N, C-alpha and C. Protein backbone atom coordinates (compact mmCIF):
# COMPACT_ATOMS: atom_id res chain seq x y z
N MET A 1 20.41 24.45 16.92
CA MET A 1 19.16 25.07 16.56
C MET A 1 18.07 24.00 16.64
N SER A 2 16.91 24.34 17.19
CA SER A 2 15.83 23.37 17.35
C SER A 2 15.20 23.04 15.99
N ASP A 3 14.52 21.89 15.95
CA ASP A 3 13.83 21.49 14.72
C ASP A 3 12.78 22.52 14.32
N GLU A 4 12.08 23.06 15.31
CA GLU A 4 11.05 24.05 15.04
C GLU A 4 11.64 25.33 14.45
N ALA A 5 12.82 25.74 14.98
CA ALA A 5 13.49 26.93 14.44
C ALA A 5 13.95 26.69 13.00
N LEU A 6 14.43 25.47 12.73
CA LEU A 6 14.82 25.14 11.36
C LEU A 6 13.63 25.19 10.42
N LEU A 7 12.50 24.67 10.86
CA LEU A 7 11.31 24.68 10.02
C LEU A 7 10.85 26.12 9.77
N ALA A 8 10.94 26.96 10.79
CA ALA A 8 10.58 28.37 10.62
C ALA A 8 11.52 29.04 9.60
N GLY A 9 12.79 28.71 9.67
CA GLY A 9 13.75 29.25 8.70
C GLY A 9 13.47 28.74 7.29
N LEU A 10 13.05 27.48 7.19
CA LEU A 10 12.67 26.93 5.90
C LEU A 10 11.46 27.68 5.35
N ALA A 11 10.48 27.92 6.22
CA ALA A 11 9.27 28.64 5.81
C ALA A 11 9.62 30.06 5.35
N ALA A 12 10.63 30.64 5.98
CA ALA A 12 11.06 31.99 5.59
C ALA A 12 11.97 31.96 4.36
N ARG A 13 12.25 30.76 3.87
CA ARG A 13 13.08 30.54 2.67
C ARG A 13 14.51 31.05 2.83
N ASP A 14 15.02 30.84 4.04
CA ASP A 14 16.42 31.18 4.32
C ASP A 14 17.28 30.03 3.78
N PRO A 15 18.14 30.28 2.78
CA PRO A 15 18.90 29.19 2.15
C PRO A 15 19.86 28.48 3.09
N GLU A 16 20.48 29.21 4.01
CA GLU A 16 21.41 28.56 4.94
C GLU A 16 20.68 27.63 5.90
N ILE A 17 19.55 28.09 6.41
CA ILE A 17 18.76 27.26 7.32
C ILE A 17 18.16 26.08 6.57
N ALA A 18 17.74 26.31 5.34
CA ALA A 18 17.19 25.22 4.53
C ALA A 18 18.24 24.12 4.34
N ALA A 19 19.48 24.51 4.13
CA ALA A 19 20.55 23.52 3.97
C ALA A 19 20.75 22.71 5.24
N VAL A 20 20.68 23.37 6.39
CA VAL A 20 20.80 22.66 7.67
C VAL A 20 19.60 21.73 7.87
N PHE A 21 18.42 22.21 7.51
CA PHE A 21 17.20 21.41 7.61
C PHE A 21 17.35 20.12 6.78
N VAL A 22 17.81 20.27 5.56
CA VAL A 22 17.99 19.11 4.67
C VAL A 22 19.00 18.13 5.27
N ARG A 23 20.14 18.64 5.74
CA ARG A 23 21.16 17.76 6.33
C ARG A 23 20.62 17.02 7.55
N ARG A 24 19.82 17.69 8.36
CA ARG A 24 19.32 17.08 9.59
C ARG A 24 18.31 15.97 9.30
N PHE A 25 17.44 16.16 8.32
CA PHE A 25 16.32 15.24 8.14
C PHE A 25 16.45 14.28 6.96
N ARG A 26 17.43 14.49 6.10
CA ARG A 26 17.54 13.70 4.89
C ARG A 26 17.60 12.20 5.14
N ALA A 27 18.45 11.77 6.04
CA ALA A 27 18.63 10.33 6.27
C ALA A 27 17.34 9.69 6.79
N GLY A 28 16.67 10.35 7.70
CA GLY A 28 15.42 9.80 8.24
C GLY A 28 14.34 9.71 7.19
N ILE A 29 14.26 10.72 6.33
CA ILE A 29 13.27 10.72 5.25
C ILE A 29 13.57 9.58 4.28
N TRP A 30 14.86 9.45 3.92
CA TRP A 30 15.23 8.38 3.00
C TRP A 30 14.88 7.02 3.61
N GLY A 31 15.14 6.86 4.90
CA GLY A 31 14.83 5.59 5.57
C GLY A 31 13.34 5.30 5.57
N ALA A 32 12.53 6.32 5.83
CA ALA A 32 11.08 6.13 5.82
C ALA A 32 10.60 5.73 4.43
N ALA A 33 11.13 6.36 3.40
CA ALA A 33 10.73 6.04 2.03
C ALA A 33 11.24 4.66 1.61
N ALA A 34 12.49 4.37 1.92
CA ALA A 34 13.08 3.10 1.51
C ALA A 34 12.40 1.92 2.19
N SER A 35 11.93 2.10 3.43
CA SER A 35 11.26 1.00 4.12
C SER A 35 9.94 0.63 3.47
N VAL A 36 9.33 1.56 2.77
CA VAL A 36 8.07 1.29 2.08
C VAL A 36 8.33 0.82 0.65
N LEU A 37 9.28 1.47 -0.03
CA LEU A 37 9.48 1.23 -1.45
C LEU A 37 10.43 0.09 -1.78
N HIS A 38 11.43 -0.15 -0.93
CA HIS A 38 12.46 -1.16 -1.20
C HIS A 38 13.12 -0.88 -2.55
N ASN A 39 13.31 0.41 -2.85
CA ASN A 39 13.89 0.81 -4.13
C ASN A 39 14.65 2.12 -3.90
N PRO A 40 15.98 2.07 -3.76
CA PRO A 40 16.76 3.27 -3.44
C PRO A 40 16.54 4.46 -4.39
N PRO A 41 16.51 4.26 -5.71
CA PRO A 41 16.30 5.44 -6.57
C PRO A 41 14.93 6.10 -6.34
N LEU A 42 13.89 5.28 -6.14
CA LEU A 42 12.58 5.86 -5.86
C LEU A 42 12.58 6.56 -4.50
N ALA A 43 13.30 6.00 -3.53
CA ALA A 43 13.40 6.63 -2.21
C ALA A 43 14.04 8.01 -2.34
N GLU A 44 15.03 8.14 -3.21
CA GLU A 44 15.66 9.45 -3.45
C GLU A 44 14.64 10.44 -4.01
N ASP A 45 13.79 9.97 -4.91
CA ASP A 45 12.74 10.83 -5.46
C ASP A 45 11.80 11.31 -4.35
N VAL A 46 11.48 10.39 -3.45
CA VAL A 46 10.58 10.75 -2.35
C VAL A 46 11.24 11.77 -1.43
N VAL A 47 12.54 11.65 -1.22
CA VAL A 47 13.26 12.64 -0.40
C VAL A 47 13.07 14.03 -1.01
N GLN A 48 13.29 14.13 -2.31
CA GLN A 48 13.15 15.42 -2.99
C GLN A 48 11.71 15.95 -2.86
N GLN A 49 10.73 15.08 -3.13
CA GLN A 49 9.33 15.49 -3.05
C GLN A 49 8.94 15.90 -1.63
N THR A 50 9.51 15.20 -0.64
CA THR A 50 9.21 15.51 0.75
C THR A 50 9.68 16.91 1.11
N PHE A 51 10.91 17.25 0.71
CA PHE A 51 11.41 18.59 0.99
C PHE A 51 10.60 19.66 0.26
N GLU A 52 10.17 19.35 -0.95
CA GLU A 52 9.32 20.30 -1.68
C GLU A 52 8.01 20.53 -0.94
N GLN A 53 7.39 19.44 -0.46
CA GLN A 53 6.13 19.59 0.29
C GLN A 53 6.37 20.31 1.61
N ALA A 54 7.47 19.98 2.27
CA ALA A 54 7.77 20.65 3.54
C ALA A 54 7.92 22.15 3.32
N LEU A 55 8.57 22.53 2.25
CA LEU A 55 8.73 23.95 1.95
C LEU A 55 7.37 24.61 1.70
N ARG A 56 6.53 23.93 0.90
CA ARG A 56 5.21 24.50 0.60
C ARG A 56 4.28 24.57 1.81
N HIS A 57 4.41 23.61 2.73
CA HIS A 57 3.47 23.51 3.83
C HIS A 57 4.07 23.82 5.20
N ALA A 58 5.24 24.41 5.23
CA ALA A 58 5.92 24.70 6.50
C ALA A 58 5.07 25.58 7.41
N HIS A 59 4.33 26.52 6.84
CA HIS A 59 3.50 27.41 7.65
C HIS A 59 2.34 26.67 8.29
N GLY A 60 1.96 25.52 7.74
CA GLY A 60 0.84 24.75 8.28
C GLY A 60 1.22 23.79 9.38
N TYR A 61 2.51 23.69 9.70
CA TYR A 61 2.95 22.77 10.75
C TYR A 61 2.34 23.17 12.09
N ASP A 62 1.79 22.17 12.79
CA ASP A 62 1.17 22.39 14.10
C ASP A 62 1.91 21.55 15.14
N PRO A 63 2.68 22.17 16.04
CA PRO A 63 3.47 21.40 16.99
C PRO A 63 2.62 20.58 17.96
N ARG A 64 1.34 20.89 18.07
CA ARG A 64 0.46 20.10 18.96
C ARG A 64 0.20 18.72 18.38
N ARG A 65 0.43 18.55 17.09
CA ARG A 65 0.14 17.27 16.44
C ARG A 65 1.37 16.37 16.35
N GLY A 66 2.51 16.83 16.83
CA GLY A 66 3.71 16.01 16.80
C GLY A 66 4.94 16.83 16.48
N SER A 67 6.08 16.17 16.60
CA SER A 67 7.36 16.85 16.37
C SER A 67 7.56 17.13 14.88
N VAL A 68 8.51 17.98 14.58
CA VAL A 68 8.86 18.27 13.19
C VAL A 68 9.35 16.98 12.52
N ARG A 69 10.16 16.22 13.23
CA ARG A 69 10.69 14.97 12.68
C ARG A 69 9.55 14.02 12.31
N ARG A 70 8.58 13.89 13.17
CA ARG A 70 7.43 13.02 12.88
C ARG A 70 6.66 13.58 11.68
N TRP A 71 6.43 14.89 11.66
CA TRP A 71 5.70 15.54 10.59
C TRP A 71 6.35 15.27 9.23
N ILE A 72 7.67 15.46 9.16
CA ILE A 72 8.38 15.29 7.89
C ILE A 72 8.42 13.82 7.49
N ASN A 73 8.56 12.91 8.47
CA ASN A 73 8.58 11.48 8.14
C ASN A 73 7.20 10.99 7.70
N VAL A 74 6.14 11.56 8.23
CA VAL A 74 4.79 11.20 7.78
C VAL A 74 4.59 11.65 6.33
N ILE A 75 5.08 12.82 5.99
CA ILE A 75 5.00 13.29 4.60
C ILE A 75 5.72 12.28 3.69
N ALA A 76 6.93 11.89 4.08
CA ALA A 76 7.71 10.94 3.27
C ALA A 76 7.00 9.60 3.15
N HIS A 77 6.49 9.11 4.26
CA HIS A 77 5.78 7.82 4.26
C HIS A 77 4.57 7.88 3.33
N ASN A 78 3.79 8.93 3.44
CA ASN A 78 2.59 9.06 2.60
C ASN A 78 2.94 9.14 1.12
N LEU A 79 3.99 9.87 0.79
CA LEU A 79 4.42 9.95 -0.61
C LEU A 79 4.85 8.57 -1.12
N ALA A 80 5.58 7.83 -0.29
CA ALA A 80 6.04 6.50 -0.69
C ALA A 80 4.85 5.55 -0.88
N VAL A 81 3.90 5.60 0.02
CA VAL A 81 2.71 4.75 -0.10
C VAL A 81 1.93 5.11 -1.37
N ASP A 82 1.85 6.40 -1.68
CA ASP A 82 1.17 6.82 -2.92
C ASP A 82 1.85 6.21 -4.15
N ILE A 83 3.17 6.15 -4.14
CA ILE A 83 3.89 5.55 -5.26
C ILE A 83 3.57 4.07 -5.38
N VAL A 84 3.58 3.37 -4.24
CA VAL A 84 3.26 1.94 -4.25
C VAL A 84 1.85 1.73 -4.80
N ARG A 85 0.91 2.51 -4.33
CA ARG A 85 -0.48 2.35 -4.79
C ARG A 85 -0.60 2.64 -6.28
N SER A 86 0.04 3.67 -6.76
CA SER A 86 -0.08 4.02 -8.18
C SER A 86 0.54 2.94 -9.06
N ARG A 87 1.58 2.29 -8.59
CA ARG A 87 2.23 1.25 -9.38
C ARG A 87 1.42 -0.03 -9.40
N ARG A 88 0.60 -0.27 -8.39
CA ARG A 88 -0.23 -1.47 -8.35
C ARG A 88 -1.20 -1.51 -9.53
N TRP A 89 -1.71 -0.36 -9.89
CA TRP A 89 -2.73 -0.32 -10.94
C TRP A 89 -2.12 -0.17 -12.32
N SER A 90 -0.81 0.00 -12.40
CA SER A 90 -0.20 0.17 -13.71
C SER A 90 0.55 -1.08 -14.15
N VAL A 91 0.20 -2.23 -13.57
CA VAL A 91 0.84 -3.47 -13.95
C VAL A 91 0.33 -3.88 -15.34
N PRO A 92 1.22 -4.14 -16.29
CA PRO A 92 0.76 -4.52 -17.63
C PRO A 92 0.02 -5.86 -17.60
N VAL A 93 -0.95 -6.00 -18.47
CA VAL A 93 -1.73 -7.23 -18.54
C VAL A 93 -1.16 -8.09 -19.66
N ASP A 94 -0.98 -9.36 -19.36
CA ASP A 94 -0.48 -10.32 -20.33
C ASP A 94 -1.49 -10.45 -21.47
N PRO A 95 -1.04 -10.34 -22.73
CA PRO A 95 -1.96 -10.45 -23.87
C PRO A 95 -2.74 -11.76 -23.89
N GLU A 96 -2.13 -12.85 -23.38
CA GLU A 96 -2.85 -14.12 -23.34
C GLU A 96 -4.04 -14.05 -22.38
N VAL A 97 -3.88 -13.31 -21.28
CA VAL A 97 -4.99 -13.14 -20.34
C VAL A 97 -6.12 -12.37 -21.02
N LEU A 98 -5.75 -11.35 -21.78
CA LEU A 98 -6.77 -10.59 -22.51
C LEU A 98 -7.50 -11.48 -23.51
N ALA A 99 -6.77 -12.38 -24.16
CA ALA A 99 -7.41 -13.28 -25.12
C ALA A 99 -8.40 -14.19 -24.42
N VAL A 100 -8.02 -14.70 -23.26
CA VAL A 100 -8.92 -15.57 -22.50
C VAL A 100 -10.16 -14.79 -22.07
N LEU A 101 -9.96 -13.55 -21.63
CA LEU A 101 -11.10 -12.72 -21.24
C LEU A 101 -12.02 -12.48 -22.43
N GLY A 102 -11.44 -12.25 -23.59
CA GLY A 102 -12.23 -12.05 -24.79
C GLY A 102 -13.03 -13.29 -25.15
N ASP A 103 -12.40 -14.48 -24.98
CA ASP A 103 -13.11 -15.72 -25.25
C ASP A 103 -14.28 -15.93 -24.31
N SER A 104 -14.16 -15.42 -23.07
CA SER A 104 -15.23 -15.62 -22.10
C SER A 104 -16.49 -14.85 -22.49
N LEU A 105 -16.34 -13.85 -23.35
CA LEU A 105 -17.51 -13.10 -23.78
C LEU A 105 -18.40 -13.92 -24.70
N THR A 106 -17.84 -14.98 -25.30
CA THR A 106 -18.61 -15.80 -26.21
C THR A 106 -19.15 -17.06 -25.53
N GLU A 107 -19.01 -17.15 -24.20
CA GLU A 107 -19.51 -18.33 -23.49
C GLU A 107 -21.02 -18.40 -23.59
N SER A 108 -21.54 -19.61 -23.46
CA SER A 108 -22.98 -19.80 -23.49
C SER A 108 -23.62 -19.18 -22.26
N SER A 109 -24.90 -18.98 -22.31
CA SER A 109 -25.60 -18.40 -21.16
C SER A 109 -25.51 -19.33 -19.96
N GLU A 110 -25.45 -20.65 -20.19
CA GLU A 110 -25.31 -21.60 -19.08
C GLU A 110 -23.94 -21.43 -18.41
N GLU A 111 -22.88 -21.29 -19.22
CA GLU A 111 -21.55 -21.08 -18.67
C GLU A 111 -21.47 -19.76 -17.90
N GLN A 112 -22.11 -18.74 -18.43
CA GLN A 112 -22.13 -17.45 -17.75
C GLN A 112 -22.87 -17.55 -16.42
N ALA A 113 -23.97 -18.29 -16.39
CA ALA A 113 -24.73 -18.48 -15.14
C ALA A 113 -23.88 -19.20 -14.10
N LEU A 114 -23.14 -20.23 -14.54
CA LEU A 114 -22.27 -20.95 -13.61
C LEU A 114 -21.16 -20.04 -13.09
N ALA A 115 -20.61 -19.21 -13.95
CA ALA A 115 -19.55 -18.28 -13.54
C ALA A 115 -20.10 -17.27 -12.53
N ARG A 116 -21.31 -16.77 -12.79
CA ARG A 116 -21.91 -15.81 -11.84
C ARG A 116 -22.16 -16.47 -10.49
N GLU A 117 -22.62 -17.73 -10.48
CA GLU A 117 -22.89 -18.45 -9.23
C GLU A 117 -21.57 -18.70 -8.48
N SER A 118 -20.52 -19.06 -9.21
CA SER A 118 -19.22 -19.26 -8.57
C SER A 118 -18.72 -17.96 -7.94
N ALA A 119 -18.89 -16.87 -8.65
CA ALA A 119 -18.46 -15.57 -8.13
C ALA A 119 -19.27 -15.21 -6.89
N ARG A 120 -20.57 -15.49 -6.90
CA ARG A 120 -21.42 -15.19 -5.74
C ARG A 120 -20.96 -16.00 -4.53
N LEU A 121 -20.70 -17.30 -4.74
CA LEU A 121 -20.24 -18.15 -3.64
C LEU A 121 -18.89 -17.67 -3.09
N CYS A 122 -18.02 -17.25 -3.98
CA CYS A 122 -16.71 -16.75 -3.56
C CYS A 122 -16.86 -15.48 -2.72
N ARG A 123 -17.69 -14.55 -3.19
CA ARG A 123 -17.93 -13.31 -2.43
C ARG A 123 -18.51 -13.62 -1.06
N ALA A 124 -19.44 -14.57 -0.99
CA ALA A 124 -20.05 -14.94 0.29
C ALA A 124 -19.01 -15.55 1.22
N ALA A 125 -18.14 -16.39 0.67
CA ALA A 125 -17.10 -17.02 1.49
C ALA A 125 -16.14 -15.98 2.05
N VAL A 126 -15.76 -15.01 1.24
CA VAL A 126 -14.86 -13.94 1.70
C VAL A 126 -15.58 -13.08 2.75
N ALA A 127 -16.85 -12.77 2.52
CA ALA A 127 -17.61 -11.94 3.46
C ALA A 127 -17.76 -12.62 4.81
N ALA A 128 -17.76 -13.95 4.84
CA ALA A 128 -17.93 -14.68 6.10
C ALA A 128 -16.65 -14.76 6.92
N LEU A 129 -15.54 -14.35 6.36
CA LEU A 129 -14.26 -14.41 7.09
C LEU A 129 -14.23 -13.40 8.23
N PRO A 130 -13.44 -13.68 9.29
CA PRO A 130 -13.21 -12.65 10.31
C PRO A 130 -12.58 -11.42 9.66
N HIS A 131 -12.88 -10.26 10.21
CA HIS A 131 -12.46 -8.98 9.62
C HIS A 131 -10.98 -8.94 9.27
N GLU A 132 -10.11 -9.34 10.21
CA GLU A 132 -8.66 -9.25 9.97
C GLU A 132 -8.23 -10.15 8.83
N GLN A 133 -8.80 -11.36 8.76
CA GLN A 133 -8.45 -12.29 7.68
C GLN A 133 -8.97 -11.77 6.35
N ARG A 134 -10.17 -11.21 6.34
CA ARG A 134 -10.75 -10.68 5.11
C ARG A 134 -9.88 -9.55 4.56
N ARG A 135 -9.46 -8.63 5.46
CA ARG A 135 -8.61 -7.52 5.02
C ARG A 135 -7.29 -8.04 4.43
N ALA A 136 -6.67 -8.98 5.12
CA ALA A 136 -5.39 -9.52 4.65
C ALA A 136 -5.55 -10.21 3.31
N LEU A 137 -6.63 -10.98 3.14
CA LEU A 137 -6.86 -11.69 1.89
C LEU A 137 -7.12 -10.72 0.74
N VAL A 138 -7.90 -9.70 0.99
CA VAL A 138 -8.19 -8.71 -0.05
C VAL A 138 -6.92 -7.95 -0.43
N MET A 139 -6.13 -7.57 0.56
CA MET A 139 -4.88 -6.86 0.25
C MET A 139 -3.96 -7.74 -0.59
N ALA A 140 -3.85 -9.01 -0.22
CA ALA A 140 -2.95 -9.91 -0.94
C ALA A 140 -3.52 -10.32 -2.30
N GLY A 141 -4.80 -10.63 -2.34
CA GLY A 141 -5.39 -11.13 -3.57
C GLY A 141 -5.79 -10.05 -4.56
N LEU A 142 -6.50 -9.05 -4.09
CA LEU A 142 -7.02 -8.03 -4.98
C LEU A 142 -5.97 -6.96 -5.29
N TYR A 143 -5.26 -6.51 -4.24
CA TYR A 143 -4.28 -5.44 -4.43
C TYR A 143 -2.87 -5.97 -4.67
N ARG A 144 -2.72 -7.30 -4.72
CA ARG A 144 -1.43 -7.95 -4.99
C ARG A 144 -0.32 -7.52 -4.05
N MET A 145 -0.67 -7.28 -2.80
CA MET A 145 0.35 -6.92 -1.82
C MET A 145 1.03 -8.19 -1.32
N THR A 146 2.31 -8.10 -1.05
CA THR A 146 3.03 -9.23 -0.46
C THR A 146 2.65 -9.30 1.02
N ALA A 147 2.98 -10.42 1.65
CA ALA A 147 2.72 -10.56 3.08
C ALA A 147 3.46 -9.46 3.85
N ARG A 148 4.67 -9.13 3.41
CA ARG A 148 5.43 -8.06 4.08
C ARG A 148 4.70 -6.74 3.96
N GLU A 149 4.16 -6.44 2.79
CA GLU A 149 3.43 -5.19 2.60
C GLU A 149 2.15 -5.17 3.45
N VAL A 150 1.48 -6.31 3.54
CA VAL A 150 0.29 -6.40 4.41
C VAL A 150 0.72 -6.15 5.85
N SER A 151 1.81 -6.75 6.25
CA SER A 151 2.34 -6.58 7.60
C SER A 151 2.61 -5.11 7.92
N GLU A 152 3.28 -4.44 6.99
CA GLU A 152 3.61 -3.03 7.20
C GLU A 152 2.35 -2.16 7.19
N SER A 153 1.45 -2.43 6.27
CA SER A 153 0.23 -1.64 6.15
C SER A 153 -0.66 -1.78 7.38
N GLU A 154 -0.77 -3.01 7.89
CA GLU A 154 -1.62 -3.27 9.04
C GLU A 154 -0.90 -3.09 10.38
N ARG A 155 0.40 -2.85 10.28
CA ARG A 155 1.25 -2.71 11.48
C ARG A 155 1.15 -3.95 12.39
N ILE A 156 1.35 -5.11 11.75
CA ILE A 156 1.34 -6.38 12.46
C ILE A 156 2.61 -7.13 12.10
N PRO A 157 3.00 -8.12 12.91
CA PRO A 157 4.19 -8.91 12.57
C PRO A 157 4.00 -9.65 11.25
N LEU A 158 5.09 -9.89 10.55
CA LEU A 158 5.05 -10.57 9.26
C LEU A 158 4.39 -11.94 9.39
N GLY A 159 4.74 -12.67 10.42
CA GLY A 159 4.15 -14.01 10.63
C GLY A 159 2.64 -13.95 10.79
N THR A 160 2.15 -12.92 11.46
CA THR A 160 0.71 -12.75 11.64
C THR A 160 0.04 -12.48 10.30
N ALA A 161 0.66 -11.65 9.48
CA ALA A 161 0.10 -11.36 8.15
C ALA A 161 0.04 -12.65 7.32
N LYS A 162 1.12 -13.42 7.33
CA LYS A 162 1.15 -14.68 6.57
C LYS A 162 0.06 -15.64 7.07
N THR A 163 -0.09 -15.72 8.38
CA THR A 163 -1.09 -16.62 8.95
C THR A 163 -2.50 -16.18 8.56
N ARG A 164 -2.78 -14.90 8.63
CA ARG A 164 -4.11 -14.42 8.26
C ARG A 164 -4.42 -14.73 6.80
N ILE A 165 -3.46 -14.51 5.92
CA ILE A 165 -3.67 -14.78 4.49
C ILE A 165 -3.90 -16.27 4.28
N ARG A 166 -3.05 -17.10 4.89
CA ARG A 166 -3.15 -18.55 4.71
C ARG A 166 -4.47 -19.08 5.25
N LEU A 167 -4.87 -18.65 6.45
CA LEU A 167 -6.13 -19.11 7.03
C LEU A 167 -7.32 -18.68 6.17
N ALA A 168 -7.29 -17.44 5.71
CA ALA A 168 -8.39 -16.93 4.89
C ALA A 168 -8.50 -17.73 3.59
N MET A 169 -7.37 -17.98 2.95
CA MET A 169 -7.40 -18.74 1.70
C MET A 169 -7.92 -20.15 1.94
N GLY A 170 -7.50 -20.76 3.04
CA GLY A 170 -7.97 -22.11 3.37
C GLY A 170 -9.47 -22.16 3.61
N LYS A 171 -9.98 -21.16 4.31
CA LYS A 171 -11.43 -21.13 4.60
C LYS A 171 -12.24 -20.91 3.32
N VAL A 172 -11.80 -20.00 2.48
CA VAL A 172 -12.52 -19.75 1.22
C VAL A 172 -12.46 -21.00 0.34
N ARG A 173 -11.29 -21.60 0.25
CA ARG A 173 -11.13 -22.82 -0.55
C ARG A 173 -12.07 -23.92 -0.04
N ALA A 174 -12.14 -24.10 1.28
CA ALA A 174 -13.00 -25.13 1.87
C ALA A 174 -14.47 -24.90 1.52
N VAL A 175 -14.91 -23.66 1.58
CA VAL A 175 -16.30 -23.35 1.23
C VAL A 175 -16.56 -23.67 -0.24
N LEU A 176 -15.65 -23.24 -1.10
CA LEU A 176 -15.86 -23.44 -2.54
C LEU A 176 -15.81 -24.93 -2.91
N VAL A 177 -14.87 -25.67 -2.33
CA VAL A 177 -14.79 -27.10 -2.60
C VAL A 177 -16.05 -27.79 -2.07
N GLY A 178 -16.51 -27.38 -0.89
CA GLY A 178 -17.74 -27.94 -0.31
C GLY A 178 -18.96 -27.71 -1.19
N GLN A 179 -18.93 -26.62 -1.95
CA GLN A 179 -20.04 -26.29 -2.86
C GLN A 179 -19.81 -26.88 -4.25
N GLY A 180 -18.69 -27.59 -4.42
CA GLY A 180 -18.40 -28.18 -5.72
C GLY A 180 -17.90 -27.19 -6.75
N VAL A 181 -17.37 -26.06 -6.28
CA VAL A 181 -16.91 -25.03 -7.21
C VAL A 181 -15.43 -25.17 -7.52
N GLY A 182 -14.62 -25.34 -6.50
CA GLY A 182 -13.17 -25.37 -6.70
C GLY A 182 -12.63 -26.77 -6.81
N PRO A 183 -11.35 -26.88 -7.16
CA PRO A 183 -10.73 -28.20 -7.23
C PRO A 183 -10.57 -28.79 -5.84
N GLY A 184 -10.76 -30.04 -5.70
CA GLY A 184 -10.72 -30.70 -4.40
C GLY A 184 -9.40 -31.10 -3.94
C-alpha cells in the first residue's frame, strides 16, 4: 500500500490502516526526534505527538509539497525543536547569581555608567561580526546552544560551527580588550 493510501486511511480513521501507518513510519519519526533531542524517552513522546498531529492534520497533507515520509518527519523534527527551545528558557537560576544581580542594583551611578558603556561596546563588537559568526555566537552565548546544536540548526558541519563561534568570540574579546573593558 502506498504512503499516500495509508495517510488517507489514517484520515478516515481506519484502525487497521492506522496500525500499518504507525509501523511504517515509527522508526523514522523516532530517529528524527532522537537526532534533535539526544534523549530516548523524550523522542518516544515526540513519536506519540507526531502521530496525534498526523491524525489531526491528515486532510491537510499536500503531495505537491513533498512525500508523506518527509511531511511526517518534518512534524517530528518541529516538535522536537519546540521541546529543545522550551527547555532552554526553563533552566533554573543559581541563587548565588540572583544575589549578585540584586547587589548590582545598589551600585553607584558611576558603576552603572561603566556597566552601560561596557554593554554598549559589547553590542557594537557583536554587531560588527560577519553575519554567520554573529548568528553562531548568539546561538551559543545567548541561547546556550552547543556547537553541535548550532551545526544542526544552521545545517553546517560541526567543525564550521565551532570555528565560527571561536572566531566570533576572539573578535569580540579583541575589541573589548582594545577598549580596556575585558581582561587582557
